[in-house]
């Protein structure tokens, strides 16, 4: 009896802790704006803090429209931010069709 109870408990625990894979393949139309950090005498041109946040001193560069999934959007947003040394950042908004 104890063995059956433990097997059921183990099965419930295993199924209850199953992670969502997050494989959202829905493609959205995004309005993508590129910003550059403002140049200052005091230090480097940074867009925002350690997260990808557009600060008040950021300078607008350009806008374009792209078709991406949520994951692709996040990867692009992080990669431009890291590759530019936190000087450039994308701001995304879902475009209305």
N, C-alpha and C. Protein backbone atom coordinates (compact mmCIF):
# COMPACT_ATOMS: atom_id res chain seq x y z
N UNK A 1 0.81 -1.19 0.00
CA UNK A 1 0.00 0.00 0.00
C UNK A 1 0.86 1.26 0.00
N UNK A 2 1.91 1.22 0.85
CA UNK A 2 2.81 2.37 0.91
C UNK A 2 3.51 2.58 -0.44
N UNK A 3 3.87 1.48 -1.04
CA UNK A 3 4.57 1.56 -2.34
C UNK A 3 3.68 2.22 -3.40
N UNK A 4 2.42 1.81 -3.48
CA UNK A 4 1.48 2.40 -4.44
C UNK A 4 1.27 3.89 -4.16
N UNK A 5 1.16 4.22 -2.89
CA UNK A 5 0.98 5.63 -2.51
C UNK A 5 2.20 6.45 -2.93
N UNK A 6 3.39 5.92 -2.71
CA UNK A 6 4.61 6.64 -3.10
C UNK A 6 4.74 6.78 -4.62
N UNK A 7 4.34 5.74 -5.36
CA UNK A 7 4.38 5.82 -6.81
C UNK A 7 3.40 6.88 -7.33
N UNK A 8 2.20 6.93 -6.77
CA UNK A 8 1.22 7.94 -7.17
C UNK A 8 1.73 9.33 -6.80
N UNK A 9 2.28 9.48 -5.60
CA UNK A 9 2.83 10.76 -5.16
C UNK A 9 3.97 11.20 -6.07
N UNK A 10 4.83 10.29 -6.44
CA UNK A 10 5.93 10.60 -7.35
C UNK A 10 5.43 11.01 -8.73
N UNK A 11 4.41 10.32 -9.24
CA UNK A 11 3.84 10.66 -10.55
C UNK A 11 3.19 12.04 -10.52
N UNK A 12 2.45 12.35 -9.47
CA UNK A 12 1.82 13.66 -9.34
C UNK A 12 2.89 14.75 -9.24
N UNK A 13 3.92 14.50 -8.48
CA UNK A 13 5.01 15.46 -8.33
C UNK A 13 5.72 15.70 -9.66
N UNK A 14 5.99 14.65 -10.40
CA UNK A 14 6.69 14.77 -11.69
C UNK A 14 5.85 15.52 -12.71
N UNK A 15 4.57 15.24 -12.76
CA UNK A 15 3.70 15.92 -13.72
C UNK A 15 3.40 17.36 -13.28
N UNK A 16 3.35 17.59 -12.00
CA UNK A 16 3.07 18.92 -11.48
C UNK A 16 4.21 19.89 -11.68
N UNK A 17 5.41 19.40 -11.74
CA UNK A 17 6.59 20.26 -11.89
C UNK A 17 7.04 20.40 -13.34
N UNK A 18 6.27 19.90 -14.26
CA UNK A 18 6.65 19.97 -15.67
C UNK A 18 6.67 21.43 -16.13
N UNK A 19 7.75 21.82 -16.70
CA UNK A 19 7.93 23.20 -17.16
C UNK A 19 7.27 23.42 -18.51
N UNK A 20 6.77 24.64 -18.70
CA UNK A 20 6.25 25.03 -20.00
C UNK A 20 7.44 25.30 -20.91
N UNK A 21 7.44 24.72 -22.07
CA UNK A 21 8.57 24.85 -22.99
C UNK A 21 8.70 26.25 -23.56
N UNK A 22 7.62 27.00 -23.60
CA UNK A 22 7.70 28.36 -24.11
C UNK A 22 7.95 28.42 -25.60
N UNK A 23 7.53 27.42 -26.32
CA UNK A 23 7.74 27.40 -27.77
C UNK A 23 6.61 28.12 -28.49
N UNK A 24 6.41 29.37 -28.15
CA UNK A 24 5.37 30.16 -28.80
C UNK A 24 5.87 30.51 -30.20
N UNK A 25 5.21 29.95 -31.20
CA UNK A 25 5.64 30.18 -32.57
C UNK A 25 4.78 31.23 -33.28
N UNK A 26 3.98 31.95 -32.50
CA UNK A 26 3.14 32.99 -33.09
C UNK A 26 4.01 34.17 -33.51
N UNK A 27 3.87 34.57 -34.74
CA UNK A 27 4.65 35.70 -35.27
C UNK A 27 3.79 36.96 -35.18
N UNK A 28 4.39 38.01 -34.62
CA UNK A 28 3.69 39.27 -34.45
C UNK A 28 4.36 40.34 -35.31
N UNK A 29 3.60 41.37 -35.64
CA UNK A 29 4.14 42.54 -36.34
C UNK A 29 4.56 43.54 -35.26
N UNK A 30 5.84 43.89 -35.22
CA UNK A 30 6.38 44.78 -34.20
C UNK A 30 6.83 46.10 -34.80
N UNK A 31 6.55 47.17 -34.09
CA UNK A 31 7.14 48.47 -34.40
C UNK A 31 8.41 48.55 -33.57
N UNK A 32 9.54 48.65 -34.26
CA UNK A 32 10.84 48.63 -33.59
C UNK A 32 11.51 49.99 -33.72
N UNK A 33 11.83 50.61 -32.58
CA UNK A 33 12.50 51.90 -32.57
C UNK A 33 13.90 51.73 -32.01
N UNK A 34 14.87 52.33 -32.69
CA UNK A 34 16.25 52.26 -32.25
C UNK A 34 16.61 53.56 -31.54
N UNK A 35 17.20 53.43 -30.36
CA UNK A 35 17.63 54.59 -29.57
C UNK A 35 19.12 54.49 -29.28
N UNK A 36 19.76 55.65 -29.19
CA UNK A 36 21.18 55.75 -28.83
C UNK A 36 21.29 56.54 -27.55
N UNK A 37 22.22 56.16 -26.71
CA UNK A 37 22.44 56.89 -25.47
C UNK A 37 22.98 58.28 -25.78
N UNK A 38 22.59 59.25 -24.98
CA UNK A 38 23.06 60.63 -25.17
C UNK A 38 24.51 60.75 -24.72
N UNK A 39 25.29 61.52 -25.47
CA UNK A 39 26.69 61.73 -25.13
C UNK A 39 26.79 62.77 -24.02
N UNK A 40 27.63 62.48 -23.04
CA UNK A 40 27.85 63.42 -21.94
C UNK A 40 29.34 63.54 -21.68
N UNK A 41 29.74 64.61 -21.02
CA UNK A 41 31.15 64.78 -20.65
C UNK A 41 31.53 63.85 -19.51
N UNK A 42 30.55 63.52 -18.68
CA UNK A 42 30.83 62.77 -17.45
C UNK A 42 31.14 61.30 -17.66
N UNK A 43 30.66 60.71 -18.74
CA UNK A 43 30.88 59.28 -18.90
C UNK A 43 30.44 58.79 -20.26
N UNK A 44 30.37 57.47 -20.42
CA UNK A 44 29.99 56.89 -21.71
C UNK A 44 28.52 57.12 -22.02
N UNK A 45 28.18 56.98 -23.28
CA UNK A 45 26.79 57.14 -23.72
C UNK A 45 26.05 55.85 -23.46
N UNK A 46 25.22 55.84 -22.45
CA UNK A 46 24.45 54.66 -22.10
C UNK A 46 22.98 54.93 -22.32
N UNK A 47 22.28 53.92 -22.79
CA UNK A 47 20.85 54.07 -23.05
C UNK A 47 20.08 54.08 -21.74
N UNK A 48 20.38 53.17 -20.85
CA UNK A 48 19.64 53.07 -19.59
C UNK A 48 20.43 52.30 -18.57
N UNK A 49 19.73 51.64 -17.66
CA UNK A 49 20.39 50.89 -16.60
C UNK A 49 20.82 49.52 -17.11
N UNK A 50 21.07 48.60 -16.19
CA UNK A 50 21.55 47.27 -16.60
C UNK A 50 20.50 46.49 -17.39
N UNK A 51 19.21 46.74 -17.18
CA UNK A 51 18.20 46.13 -18.02
C UNK A 51 18.04 47.00 -19.27
N UNK A 52 17.37 46.46 -20.27
CA UNK A 52 17.14 47.23 -21.49
C UNK A 52 15.98 48.18 -21.23
N UNK A 53 16.33 49.37 -20.75
CA UNK A 53 15.34 50.40 -20.44
C UNK A 53 15.77 51.67 -21.18
N UNK A 54 14.83 52.28 -21.88
CA UNK A 54 15.13 53.51 -22.61
C UNK A 54 15.09 54.66 -21.62
N UNK A 55 16.23 55.29 -21.38
CA UNK A 55 16.31 56.39 -20.44
C UNK A 55 15.79 57.69 -21.03
N UNK A 56 15.63 58.69 -20.17
CA UNK A 56 15.13 60.00 -20.60
C UNK A 56 16.12 60.72 -21.52
N UNK A 57 17.40 60.40 -21.39
CA UNK A 57 18.42 61.08 -22.18
C UNK A 57 18.71 60.39 -23.51
N UNK A 58 17.98 59.34 -23.84
CA UNK A 58 18.23 58.58 -25.07
C UNK A 58 17.80 59.39 -26.30
N UNK A 59 18.54 59.19 -27.38
CA UNK A 59 18.29 59.89 -28.64
C UNK A 59 17.65 58.93 -29.64
N UNK A 60 16.52 59.31 -30.20
CA UNK A 60 15.82 58.49 -31.20
C UNK A 60 16.65 58.43 -32.48
N UNK A 61 16.78 57.22 -33.06
CA UNK A 61 17.56 57.05 -34.29
C UNK A 61 16.67 56.69 -35.46
N UNK A 62 15.88 55.62 -35.35
CA UNK A 62 15.06 55.18 -36.49
C UNK A 62 13.92 54.28 -36.03
N UNK A 63 12.98 54.05 -36.96
CA UNK A 63 11.85 53.15 -36.74
C UNK A 63 11.71 52.23 -37.94
N UNK A 64 11.40 50.97 -37.68
CA UNK A 64 11.04 50.05 -38.76
C UNK A 64 10.05 49.03 -38.21
N UNK A 65 9.47 48.26 -39.11
CA UNK A 65 8.47 47.26 -38.74
C UNK A 65 9.02 45.88 -39.11
N UNK A 66 8.93 44.95 -38.16
CA UNK A 66 9.47 43.61 -38.36
C UNK A 66 8.45 42.56 -37.91
N UNK A 67 8.57 41.36 -38.44
CA UNK A 67 7.74 40.22 -38.05
C UNK A 67 8.62 39.25 -37.27
N UNK A 68 8.35 39.12 -35.96
CA UNK A 68 9.16 38.28 -35.08
C UNK A 68 8.27 37.60 -34.05
N UNK A 69 8.77 36.49 -33.50
CA UNK A 69 8.12 35.88 -32.35
C UNK A 69 8.60 36.62 -31.10
N UNK A 70 7.97 36.34 -29.97
CA UNK A 70 8.39 36.97 -28.70
C UNK A 70 9.84 36.63 -28.39
N UNK A 71 10.21 35.39 -28.61
CA UNK A 71 11.58 34.97 -28.31
C UNK A 71 12.59 35.67 -29.21
N UNK A 72 12.30 35.75 -30.50
CA UNK A 72 13.20 36.43 -31.43
C UNK A 72 13.34 37.91 -31.06
N UNK A 73 12.24 38.52 -30.65
CA UNK A 73 12.27 39.93 -30.23
C UNK A 73 13.20 40.11 -29.03
N UNK A 74 13.06 39.23 -28.04
CA UNK A 74 13.89 39.32 -26.84
C UNK A 74 15.37 39.11 -27.15
N UNK A 75 15.67 38.16 -28.05
CA UNK A 75 17.06 37.90 -28.42
C UNK A 75 17.66 39.11 -29.13
N UNK A 76 16.92 39.71 -30.07
CA UNK A 76 17.42 40.88 -30.78
C UNK A 76 17.61 42.07 -29.83
N UNK A 77 16.67 42.23 -28.92
CA UNK A 77 16.74 43.35 -27.99
C UNK A 77 17.98 43.22 -27.10
N UNK A 78 18.24 42.03 -26.61
CA UNK A 78 19.40 41.81 -25.76
C UNK A 78 20.70 41.91 -26.53
N UNK A 79 20.73 41.37 -27.76
CA UNK A 79 21.99 41.32 -28.51
C UNK A 79 22.47 42.70 -28.94
N UNK A 80 21.58 43.58 -29.40
CA UNK A 80 22.03 44.92 -29.80
C UNK A 80 22.50 45.70 -28.59
N UNK A 81 21.83 45.49 -27.47
CA UNK A 81 22.18 46.19 -26.24
C UNK A 81 23.56 45.76 -25.74
N UNK A 82 23.83 44.46 -25.77
CA UNK A 82 25.12 43.96 -25.30
C UNK A 82 26.24 44.23 -26.29
N UNK A 83 25.97 44.05 -27.59
CA UNK A 83 27.00 44.23 -28.62
C UNK A 83 27.45 45.69 -28.74
N UNK A 84 26.56 46.62 -28.45
CA UNK A 84 26.92 48.03 -28.57
C UNK A 84 27.49 48.59 -27.28
N UNK A 85 27.71 47.75 -26.29
CA UNK A 85 28.23 48.25 -25.02
C UNK A 85 27.22 49.12 -24.30
N UNK A 86 25.96 48.77 -24.38
CA UNK A 86 24.83 49.48 -23.77
C UNK A 86 24.63 50.88 -24.34
N UNK A 87 25.09 51.10 -25.56
CA UNK A 87 24.91 52.41 -26.20
C UNK A 87 23.65 52.45 -27.06
N UNK A 88 23.25 51.34 -27.66
CA UNK A 88 22.05 51.28 -28.50
C UNK A 88 21.05 50.30 -27.89
N UNK A 89 19.76 50.59 -28.10
CA UNK A 89 18.71 49.69 -27.62
C UNK A 89 17.50 49.80 -28.53
N UNK A 90 16.83 48.66 -28.69
CA UNK A 90 15.57 48.63 -29.43
C UNK A 90 14.42 48.73 -28.44
N UNK A 91 13.39 49.47 -28.83
CA UNK A 91 12.13 49.51 -28.09
C UNK A 91 11.08 48.90 -29.01
N UNK A 92 10.37 47.89 -28.53
CA UNK A 92 9.37 47.19 -29.35
C UNK A 92 7.97 47.48 -28.85
N UNK A 93 7.05 47.64 -29.79
CA UNK A 93 5.63 47.71 -29.50
C UNK A 93 4.92 46.87 -30.56
N UNK A 94 3.89 46.13 -30.13
CA UNK A 94 3.13 45.35 -31.10
C UNK A 94 2.35 46.33 -31.97
N UNK A 95 2.54 46.20 -33.29
CA UNK A 95 1.85 47.07 -34.24
C UNK A 95 0.45 46.55 -34.46
N UNK A 96 -0.47 47.45 -34.62
CA UNK A 96 -1.85 47.07 -34.92
C UNK A 96 -1.97 46.77 -36.40
N UNK A 97 -2.58 45.66 -36.71
CA UNK A 97 -2.70 45.23 -38.11
C UNK A 97 -3.78 45.99 -38.82
